[in-house]
Amino acid sequence: MTTISTTTTSTNTEDTSYYLTQFNELTQKFMEQLNTQNVAQIGTETPDVLFSSEGRSKEQATAILSEQIIPYLSASAGPRYWGFVTGGANPA
């Protein structure tokens, strides 16, 4: 017989709820700003994202996503856009 820890299940449910709420808010904000952003970020530097072997809290992970990754996303919401890397081709 398998037993499930209620503490683990409760924590996982709380984490899932937290992430769904945060990602929903981040997505809505991103979509609202699409009309005012350039499709591509020109002249940007690589975001300074540092990862540690200890991991991050859910709040820290969400902050990294919000502050250091989302601003560099392509401002495209087309239904067939898959986030391909564009540019950097050799001349024919």
Protein backbone atom coordinates (compact mmCIF):
# COMPACT_ATOMS: atom_id res chain seq x y z
CA MET A 1 0.00 0.00 0.00
CA THR A 2 1.34 3.41 -0.97
CA THR A 3 0.96 6.32 1.39
CA ILE A 4 1.30 9.93 0.36
CA SER A 5 2.60 12.53 2.73
CA THR A 6 -0.03 15.22 3.20
CA THR A 7 2.71 17.76 3.84
CA THR A 8 4.35 17.05 0.47
CA THR A 9 1.03 17.02 -1.33
CA SER A 10 -0.03 20.26 0.34
CA THR A 11 3.29 21.92 -0.52
CA ASN A 12 3.13 20.75 -4.13
CA THR A 13 -0.42 22.05 -4.45
CA GLU A 14 0.58 25.40 -2.94
CA ASP A 15 3.62 25.63 -5.24
CA THR A 16 1.53 24.78 -8.30
CA SER A 17 -1.08 27.35 -7.34
CA TYR A 18 1.63 29.97 -6.77
CA TYR A 19 3.29 29.33 -10.14
CA LEU A 20 0.00 29.28 -12.05
CA THR A 21 -1.03 32.59 -10.49
CA GLN A 22 2.36 34.22 -11.11
CA PHE A 23 2.69 32.94 -14.69
CA ASN A 24 -0.85 34.05 -15.47
CA GLU A 25 -0.02 37.58 -14.26
CA LEU A 26 3.30 37.64 -16.15
CA THR A 27 1.62 36.40 -19.33
CA GLN A 28 -1.13 39.02 -19.13
CA LYS A 29 1.44 41.78 -18.58
CA PHE A 30 3.54 40.50 -21.51
CA MET A 31 0.53 40.36 -23.83
CA GLU A 32 -0.60 43.87 -22.81
CA GLN A 33 2.83 45.30 -23.70
CA LEU A 34 3.20 43.64 -27.11
CA ASN A 35 1.85 46.63 -29.03
CA THR A 36 4.45 48.93 -27.49
CA GLN A 37 7.52 46.67 -27.80
CA ASN A 38 9.83 46.05 -30.72
CA VAL A 39 9.57 42.52 -32.07
CA ALA A 40 13.31 42.08 -31.49
CA GLN A 41 15.53 43.57 -28.81
CA ILE A 42 18.41 45.22 -30.65
CA GLY A 43 21.74 45.97 -28.99
CA THR A 44 21.02 44.08 -25.80
CA GLU A 45 23.54 42.26 -23.71
CA THR A 46 23.13 38.74 -22.44
CA PRO A 47 21.13 38.76 -19.22
CA ASP A 48 23.20 38.14 -16.12
CA VAL A 49 21.40 35.07 -14.78
CA LEU A 50 23.33 33.23 -12.12
CA PHE A 51 22.34 29.73 -11.09
CA SER A 52 23.45 28.08 -7.91
CA SER A 53 23.66 24.45 -6.89
CA GLU A 54 21.44 25.21 -3.88
CA GLY A 55 18.49 26.26 -6.04
CA ARG A 56 16.18 29.20 -5.57
CA SER A 57 12.93 29.87 -3.79
CA LYS A 58 9.80 30.07 -5.91
CA GLU A 59 9.76 33.83 -5.37
CA GLN A 60 13.37 34.17 -6.52
CA ALA A 61 12.76 31.96 -9.56
CA THR A 62 9.74 34.05 -10.55
CA ALA A 63 11.75 37.28 -10.10
CA ILE A 64 14.55 35.95 -12.35
CA LEU A 65 12.00 35.04 -15.00
CA SER A 66 10.25 38.41 -14.75
CA GLU A 67 13.33 40.63 -14.59
CA GLN A 68 16.05 38.80 -16.52
CA ILE A 69 14.35 36.59 -19.10
CA ILE A 70 10.96 37.98 -20.16
CA PRO A 71 12.35 41.41 -21.19
CA TYR A 72 14.51 39.61 -23.80
CA LEU A 73 11.72 37.55 -25.36
CA SER A 74 10.62 38.26 -28.91
CA ALA A 75 7.50 40.41 -28.85
CA SER A 76 5.47 38.12 -31.05
CA ALA A 77 2.22 36.40 -30.20
CA GLY A 78 1.40 34.84 -33.54
CA PRO A 79 -0.27 31.43 -33.31
CA ARG A 80 2.42 29.75 -35.46
CA TYR A 81 5.48 31.44 -33.95
CA TRP A 82 7.63 28.84 -32.20
CA GLY A 83 10.45 31.08 -30.99
CA PHE A 84 12.99 30.21 -33.65
CA VAL A 85 16.37 31.95 -33.54
CA THR A 86 16.49 34.39 -36.43
CA GLY A 87 19.40 36.09 -38.14
CA GLY A 88 23.06 35.22 -38.47
CA ALA A 89 22.91 33.59 -41.91
CA ASN A 90 25.79 33.26 -44.36
CA PRO A 91 25.37 35.13 -47.66
CA ALA A 92 24.46 32.95 -50.63
